[in-house]
Amino acid sequence: MSNPAKAKGTAHETAVVRYLNERGIPARRVAQTGALDVGDVHGIDPFVGQAKNYRDLPTALREGVDGAVVQAKRVSADALPVAFVKRPRKSAADVYAVMPLATFSEVLLRLEVAAEDAQRLAQLEK
């Protein structure tokens, strides 16, 4: 790969996907689609992931989250954005998974509904 920045980004995406796969999460990289990008990491439903590996961490956080929000909307109205931001000199396990507070609150609400559904199902099975 002749573009060093692209190679660095591809390596980061690959490391994130490998880390998730090792934990049983069926993450996968998707082909780039240019102006109508739909994220870098899929298979992590309900999330769509955007990977960033910049030397400037504040820019990576800002652009990663903003990009993930736009890309998740392109995938589905129900998709939730998450940015995977590489930390300098850290492993894939230490990558930041970042999302807007609105997304975090949606995750909590979905978890609450799922827990209530599981509790109702357990009571029905008794």
N, C-alpha and C. Protein backbone atom coordinates (compact mmCIF):
# COMPACT_ATOMS: atom_id res chain seq x y z
N MET A 1 0.87 -1.17 0.00
CA MET A 1 0.00 0.00 0.00
C MET A 1 0.91 1.23 0.00
N SER A 2 0.72 2.13 -0.97
CA SER A 2 1.64 3.26 -1.11
C SER A 2 1.28 4.45 -0.23
N ASN A 3 0.08 4.52 0.29
CA ASN A 3 -0.34 5.62 1.14
C ASN A 3 -0.16 5.21 2.61
N PRO A 4 0.84 5.79 3.31
CA PRO A 4 1.10 5.37 4.70
C PRO A 4 -0.09 5.60 5.64
N ALA A 5 -0.82 6.71 5.46
CA ALA A 5 -1.98 6.98 6.33
C ALA A 5 -3.07 5.93 6.12
N LYS A 6 -3.29 5.55 4.86
CA LYS A 6 -4.30 4.52 4.56
C LYS A 6 -3.87 3.18 5.15
N ALA A 7 -2.59 2.86 5.04
CA ALA A 7 -2.08 1.61 5.60
C ALA A 7 -2.27 1.58 7.12
N LYS A 8 -2.01 2.71 7.76
CA LYS A 8 -2.18 2.82 9.22
C LYS A 8 -3.64 2.62 9.61
N GLY A 9 -4.55 3.23 8.83
CA GLY A 9 -5.98 3.08 9.10
C GLY A 9 -6.46 1.67 8.89
N THR A 10 -5.99 1.04 7.81
CA THR A 10 -6.37 -0.35 7.53
C THR A 10 -5.87 -1.28 8.63
N ALA A 11 -4.65 -1.06 9.09
CA ALA A 11 -4.11 -1.89 10.17
C ALA A 11 -4.94 -1.74 11.44
N HIS A 12 -5.39 -0.51 11.72
CA HIS A 12 -6.21 -0.27 12.91
C HIS A 12 -7.57 -0.97 12.78
N GLU A 13 -8.22 -0.83 11.63
CA GLU A 13 -9.50 -1.51 11.40
C GLU A 13 -9.35 -3.02 11.58
N THR A 14 -8.29 -3.57 11.01
CA THR A 14 -8.03 -5.00 11.09
C THR A 14 -7.81 -5.43 12.54
N ALA A 15 -7.09 -4.64 13.30
CA ALA A 15 -6.83 -4.97 14.71
C ALA A 15 -8.12 -4.95 15.52
N VAL A 16 -8.98 -3.97 15.26
CA VAL A 16 -10.27 -3.88 15.97
C VAL A 16 -11.12 -5.11 15.64
N VAL A 17 -11.23 -5.43 14.36
CA VAL A 17 -12.03 -6.58 13.95
C VAL A 17 -11.47 -7.87 14.54
N ARG A 18 -10.16 -8.05 14.49
CA ARG A 18 -9.53 -9.25 15.04
C ARG A 18 -9.82 -9.37 16.54
N TYR A 19 -9.69 -8.26 17.26
CA TYR A 19 -9.95 -8.26 18.71
C TYR A 19 -11.39 -8.68 18.99
N LEU A 20 -12.34 -8.10 18.28
CA LEU A 20 -13.75 -8.44 18.48
C LEU A 20 -14.02 -9.90 18.12
N ASN A 21 -13.46 -10.35 16.99
CA ASN A 21 -13.63 -11.75 16.57
C ASN A 21 -13.11 -12.72 17.61
N GLU A 22 -11.98 -12.40 18.21
CA GLU A 22 -11.40 -13.27 19.24
C GLU A 22 -12.31 -13.40 20.45
N ARG A 23 -13.21 -12.48 20.62
CA ARG A 23 -14.16 -12.51 21.73
C ARG A 23 -15.53 -13.03 21.31
N GLY A 24 -15.61 -13.59 20.10
CA GLY A 24 -16.84 -14.19 19.62
C GLY A 24 -17.82 -13.22 18.98
N ILE A 25 -17.39 -12.02 18.71
CA ILE A 25 -18.25 -11.02 18.07
C ILE A 25 -17.93 -11.05 16.58
N PRO A 26 -18.94 -11.27 15.72
CA PRO A 26 -18.70 -11.48 14.29
C PRO A 26 -18.43 -10.19 13.50
N ALA A 27 -17.52 -9.38 14.00
CA ALA A 27 -17.19 -8.11 13.33
C ALA A 27 -16.50 -8.39 12.01
N ARG A 28 -16.68 -7.46 11.07
CA ARG A 28 -16.02 -7.56 9.78
C ARG A 28 -15.78 -6.17 9.20
N ARG A 29 -14.72 -6.06 8.43
CA ARG A 29 -14.45 -4.81 7.71
C ARG A 29 -15.32 -4.82 6.46
N VAL A 30 -15.75 -3.63 6.04
CA VAL A 30 -16.54 -3.53 4.82
C VAL A 30 -15.79 -2.69 3.80
N ALA A 31 -16.12 -2.91 2.54
CA ALA A 31 -15.48 -2.17 1.46
C ALA A 31 -15.82 -0.69 1.57
N GLN A 32 -14.86 0.15 1.27
CA GLN A 32 -15.10 1.59 1.29
C GLN A 32 -16.04 1.97 0.15
N THR A 33 -16.91 2.92 0.43
CA THR A 33 -17.89 3.33 -0.59
C THR A 33 -17.80 4.82 -0.90
N GLY A 34 -16.68 5.44 -0.62
CA GLY A 34 -16.46 6.83 -0.98
C GLY A 34 -17.34 7.80 -0.23
N ALA A 35 -18.01 8.68 -0.98
CA ALA A 35 -18.80 9.76 -0.38
C ALA A 35 -19.98 9.25 0.43
N LEU A 36 -20.45 8.06 0.11
CA LEU A 36 -21.59 7.50 0.85
C LEU A 36 -21.12 6.37 1.77
N ASP A 37 -20.04 6.61 2.48
CA ASP A 37 -19.43 5.64 3.38
C ASP A 37 -20.45 5.15 4.41
N VAL A 38 -20.41 3.85 4.67
CA VAL A 38 -21.33 3.25 5.65
C VAL A 38 -20.58 2.65 6.83
N GLY A 39 -19.41 3.20 7.13
CA GLY A 39 -18.64 2.76 8.29
C GLY A 39 -17.55 1.77 7.92
N ASP A 40 -16.69 1.51 8.90
CA ASP A 40 -15.55 0.62 8.70
C ASP A 40 -15.77 -0.77 9.26
N VAL A 41 -16.56 -0.87 10.33
CA VAL A 41 -16.74 -2.14 11.03
C VAL A 41 -18.23 -2.44 11.13
N HIS A 42 -18.61 -3.60 10.60
CA HIS A 42 -20.00 -4.07 10.68
C HIS A 42 -20.01 -5.41 11.40
N GLY A 43 -21.21 -5.97 11.57
CA GLY A 43 -21.34 -7.25 12.27
C GLY A 43 -21.34 -7.07 13.78
N ILE A 44 -21.50 -5.83 14.23
CA ILE A 44 -21.51 -5.51 15.66
C ILE A 44 -22.86 -4.91 16.04
N ASP A 45 -23.90 -5.46 15.44
CA ASP A 45 -25.26 -4.93 15.62
C ASP A 45 -25.61 -4.76 17.09
N PRO A 46 -26.27 -3.67 17.41
CA PRO A 46 -26.89 -2.67 16.55
C PRO A 46 -25.95 -1.52 16.15
N PHE A 47 -24.65 -1.70 16.35
CA PHE A 47 -23.69 -0.62 16.09
C PHE A 47 -23.12 -0.67 14.68
N VAL A 48 -22.69 0.50 14.23
CA VAL A 48 -21.87 0.66 13.03
C VAL A 48 -20.62 1.39 13.51
N GLY A 49 -19.45 0.82 13.21
CA GLY A 49 -18.21 1.38 13.73
C GLY A 49 -17.39 2.15 12.72
N GLN A 50 -16.83 3.23 13.19
CA GLN A 50 -15.90 4.06 12.42
C GLN A 50 -14.56 4.01 13.14
N ALA A 51 -13.51 3.57 12.45
CA ALA A 51 -12.19 3.46 13.06
C ALA A 51 -11.33 4.67 12.71
N LYS A 52 -10.64 5.21 13.71
CA LYS A 52 -9.73 6.35 13.51
C LYS A 52 -8.40 6.07 14.19
N ASN A 53 -7.33 6.32 13.47
CA ASN A 53 -5.98 6.15 13.99
C ASN A 53 -5.18 7.39 13.62
N TYR A 54 -5.39 8.47 14.37
CA TYR A 54 -4.71 9.74 14.14
C TYR A 54 -3.74 10.00 15.28
N ARG A 55 -2.69 10.71 14.96
CA ARG A 55 -1.75 11.14 16.00
C ARG A 55 -2.44 12.13 16.94
N ASP A 56 -3.32 12.97 16.38
CA ASP A 56 -4.03 14.00 17.14
C ASP A 56 -5.32 13.39 17.70
N LEU A 57 -5.29 13.01 18.97
CA LEU A 57 -6.41 12.31 19.59
C LEU A 57 -7.70 13.13 19.61
N PRO A 58 -7.69 14.43 19.93
CA PRO A 58 -8.94 15.19 19.90
C PRO A 58 -9.60 15.19 18.51
N THR A 59 -8.79 15.31 17.47
CA THR A 59 -9.35 15.27 16.11
C THR A 59 -9.92 13.90 15.81
N ALA A 60 -9.21 12.85 16.21
CA ALA A 60 -9.69 11.49 15.97
C ALA A 60 -11.03 11.26 16.68
N LEU A 61 -11.13 11.74 17.91
CA LEU A 61 -12.39 11.59 18.66
C LEU A 61 -13.52 12.33 17.96
N ARG A 62 -13.27 13.59 17.63
CA ARG A 62 -14.31 14.42 17.00
C ARG A 62 -14.73 13.85 15.64
N GLU A 63 -13.76 13.60 14.78
CA GLU A 63 -14.08 13.12 13.43
C GLU A 63 -14.63 11.70 13.47
N GLY A 64 -14.11 10.89 14.38
CA GLY A 64 -14.60 9.52 14.48
C GLY A 64 -16.06 9.45 14.89
N VAL A 65 -16.41 10.18 15.94
CA VAL A 65 -17.81 10.16 16.41
C VAL A 65 -18.73 10.81 15.38
N ASP A 66 -18.34 11.97 14.87
CA ASP A 66 -19.18 12.64 13.86
C ASP A 66 -19.39 11.76 12.64
N GLY A 67 -18.32 11.12 12.19
CA GLY A 67 -18.43 10.23 11.03
C GLY A 67 -19.29 9.03 11.33
N ALA A 68 -19.15 8.45 12.50
CA ALA A 68 -19.94 7.28 12.87
C ALA A 68 -21.43 7.62 12.90
N VAL A 69 -21.77 8.81 13.38
CA VAL A 69 -23.18 9.23 13.43
C VAL A 69 -23.77 9.28 12.02
N VAL A 70 -23.07 9.91 11.11
CA VAL A 70 -23.54 10.03 9.72
C VAL A 70 -23.64 8.64 9.08
N GLN A 71 -22.62 7.83 9.26
CA GLN A 71 -22.58 6.52 8.62
C GLN A 71 -23.65 5.58 9.17
N ALA A 72 -23.88 5.61 10.47
CA ALA A 72 -24.93 4.76 11.06
C ALA A 72 -26.29 5.11 10.47
N LYS A 73 -26.56 6.40 10.27
CA LYS A 73 -27.84 6.81 9.67
C LYS A 73 -27.99 6.27 8.26
N ARG A 74 -26.87 6.18 7.52
CA ARG A 74 -26.92 5.64 6.16
C ARG A 74 -27.24 4.15 6.15
N VAL A 75 -26.82 3.45 7.19
CA VAL A 75 -27.03 2.01 7.26
C VAL A 75 -28.48 1.69 7.62
N SER A 76 -29.00 2.35 8.67
CA SER A 76 -30.34 2.04 9.16
C SER A 76 -30.75 3.08 10.19
N ALA A 77 -32.05 3.33 10.27
CA ALA A 77 -32.56 4.26 11.28
C ALA A 77 -32.32 3.73 12.69
N ASP A 78 -32.17 2.41 12.83
CA ASP A 78 -31.96 1.80 14.15
C ASP A 78 -30.50 1.59 14.49
N ALA A 79 -29.59 1.79 13.53
CA ALA A 79 -28.17 1.58 13.78
C ALA A 79 -27.63 2.63 14.74
N LEU A 80 -26.72 2.21 15.61
CA LEU A 80 -26.12 3.11 16.59
C LEU A 80 -24.65 3.33 16.24
N PRO A 81 -24.19 4.58 16.34
CA PRO A 81 -22.80 4.88 15.98
C PRO A 81 -21.82 4.63 17.11
N VAL A 82 -20.63 4.13 16.75
CA VAL A 82 -19.53 4.02 17.70
C VAL A 82 -18.24 4.26 16.92
N ALA A 83 -17.35 5.04 17.53
CA ALA A 83 -16.04 5.29 16.94
C ALA A 83 -15.00 4.49 17.71
N PHE A 84 -14.12 3.81 16.98
CA PHE A 84 -13.01 3.07 17.58
C PHE A 84 -11.74 3.89 17.37
N VAL A 85 -11.30 4.55 18.42
CA VAL A 85 -10.18 5.49 18.32
C VAL A 85 -8.93 4.87 18.92
N LYS A 86 -7.91 4.72 18.07
CA LYS A 86 -6.63 4.14 18.49
C LYS A 86 -5.91 5.07 19.43
N ARG A 87 -5.39 4.49 20.49
CA ARG A 87 -4.57 5.26 21.44
C ARG A 87 -3.11 5.01 21.11
N PRO A 88 -2.32 6.07 21.06
CA PRO A 88 -0.90 5.89 20.72
C PRO A 88 -0.21 4.88 21.66
N ARG A 89 0.54 3.99 21.05
CA ARG A 89 1.36 3.01 21.78
C ARG A 89 0.53 2.07 22.67
N LYS A 90 -0.72 1.85 22.31
CA LYS A 90 -1.59 0.95 23.07
C LYS A 90 -2.10 -0.16 22.14
N SER A 91 -2.51 -1.27 22.73
CA SER A 91 -3.01 -2.41 21.96
C SER A 91 -4.47 -2.21 21.58
N ALA A 92 -4.98 -3.14 20.78
CA ALA A 92 -6.39 -3.09 20.37
C ALA A 92 -7.33 -3.14 21.57
N ALA A 93 -6.94 -3.83 22.62
CA ALA A 93 -7.78 -3.91 23.82
C ALA A 93 -7.97 -2.55 24.47
N ASP A 94 -7.07 -1.62 24.20
CA ASP A 94 -7.11 -0.29 24.82
C ASP A 94 -7.69 0.79 23.91
N VAL A 95 -8.19 0.38 22.74
CA VAL A 95 -8.84 1.33 21.82
C VAL A 95 -10.05 1.91 22.52
N TYR A 96 -10.28 3.21 22.35
CA TYR A 96 -11.48 3.83 22.89
C TYR A 96 -12.67 3.51 21.99
N ALA A 97 -13.77 3.07 22.57
CA ALA A 97 -15.04 2.93 21.87
C ALA A 97 -15.89 4.11 22.35
N VAL A 98 -16.15 5.06 21.46
CA VAL A 98 -16.73 6.35 21.84
C VAL A 98 -18.04 6.57 21.09
N MET A 99 -19.01 7.15 21.80
CA MET A 99 -20.30 7.45 21.18
C MET A 99 -20.89 8.70 21.82
N PRO A 100 -21.84 9.35 21.14
CA PRO A 100 -22.52 10.50 21.74
C PRO A 100 -23.35 10.05 22.95
N LEU A 101 -23.60 10.96 23.87
CA LEU A 101 -24.41 10.66 25.04
C LEU A 101 -25.80 10.18 24.62
N ALA A 102 -26.36 10.74 23.56
CA ALA A 102 -27.68 10.29 23.08
C ALA A 102 -27.64 8.81 22.71
N THR A 103 -26.56 8.37 22.11
CA THR A 103 -26.42 6.96 21.76
C THR A 103 -26.28 6.11 23.01
N PHE A 104 -25.46 6.58 23.95
CA PHE A 104 -25.27 5.84 25.20
C PHE A 104 -26.60 5.66 25.92
N SER A 105 -27.41 6.71 25.97
CA SER A 105 -28.71 6.59 26.64
C SER A 105 -29.62 5.62 25.90
N GLU A 106 -29.53 5.59 24.57
CA GLU A 106 -30.31 4.63 23.79
C GLU A 106 -29.88 3.20 24.10
N VAL A 107 -28.59 2.98 24.24
CA VAL A 107 -28.08 1.66 24.60
C VAL A 107 -28.66 1.23 25.96
N LEU A 108 -28.61 2.14 26.93
CA LEU A 108 -29.14 1.81 28.26
C LEU A 108 -30.63 1.48 28.19
N LEU A 109 -31.40 2.25 27.42
CA LEU A 109 -32.84 1.98 27.30
C LEU A 109 -33.08 0.63 26.64
N ARG A 110 -32.31 0.31 25.60
CA ARG A 110 -32.47 -0.98 24.93
C ARG A 110 -32.10 -2.13 25.86
N LEU A 111 -31.08 -1.95 26.66
CA LEU A 111 -30.69 -2.99 27.62
C LEU A 111 -31.78 -3.19 28.67
N GLU A 112 -32.37 -2.10 29.11
CA GLU A 112 -33.44 -2.18 30.10
C GLU A 112 -34.63 -2.95 29.54
N VAL A 113 -35.02 -2.64 28.32
CA VAL A 113 -36.13 -3.33 27.67
C VAL A 113 -35.80 -4.82 27.51
N ALA A 114 -34.58 -5.12 27.10
CA ALA A 114 -34.17 -6.52 26.92
C ALA A 114 -34.20 -7.27 28.25
N ALA A 115 -33.75 -6.62 29.32
CA ALA A 115 -33.77 -7.26 30.64
C ALA A 115 -35.21 -7.52 31.09
N GLU A 116 -36.09 -6.55 30.85
CA GLU A 116 -37.50 -6.74 31.21
C GLU A 116 -38.12 -7.87 30.40
N ASP A 117 -37.80 -7.94 29.12
CA ASP A 117 -38.31 -9.02 28.27
C ASP A 117 -37.81 -10.37 28.76
N ALA A 118 -36.54 -10.45 29.13
CA ALA A 118 -35.97 -11.70 29.63
C ALA A 118 -36.63 -12.12 30.93
N GLN A 119 -36.90 -11.15 31.79
CA GLN A 119 -37.55 -11.45 33.07
C GLN A 119 -38.98 -11.97 32.83
N ARG A 120 -39.70 -11.32 31.91
CA ARG A 120 -41.07 -11.78 31.60
C ARG A 120 -41.05 -13.19 31.01
N LEU A 121 -40.10 -13.46 30.15
CA LEU A 121 -39.98 -14.78 29.54
C LEU A 121 -39.66 -15.84 30.59
N ALA A 122 -38.78 -15.51 31.51
CA ALA A 122 -38.42 -16.45 32.58
C ALA A 122 -39.64 -16.75 33.46
N GLN A 123 -40.48 -15.75 33.71
CA GLN A 123 -41.68 -15.97 34.52
C GLN A 123 -42.69 -16.85 33.76
N LEU A 124 -42.77 -16.68 32.46
CA LEU A 124 -43.68 -17.48 31.66
C LEU A 124 -43.25 -18.95 31.62
N GLU A 125 -41.94 -19.19 31.66
CA GLU A 125 -41.42 -20.54 31.59
C GLU A 125 -41.56 -21.30 32.90
N LYS A 126 -41.92 -20.63 33.98
CA LYS A 126 -42.07 -21.28 35.29
C LYS A 126 -43.36 -22.05 35.36
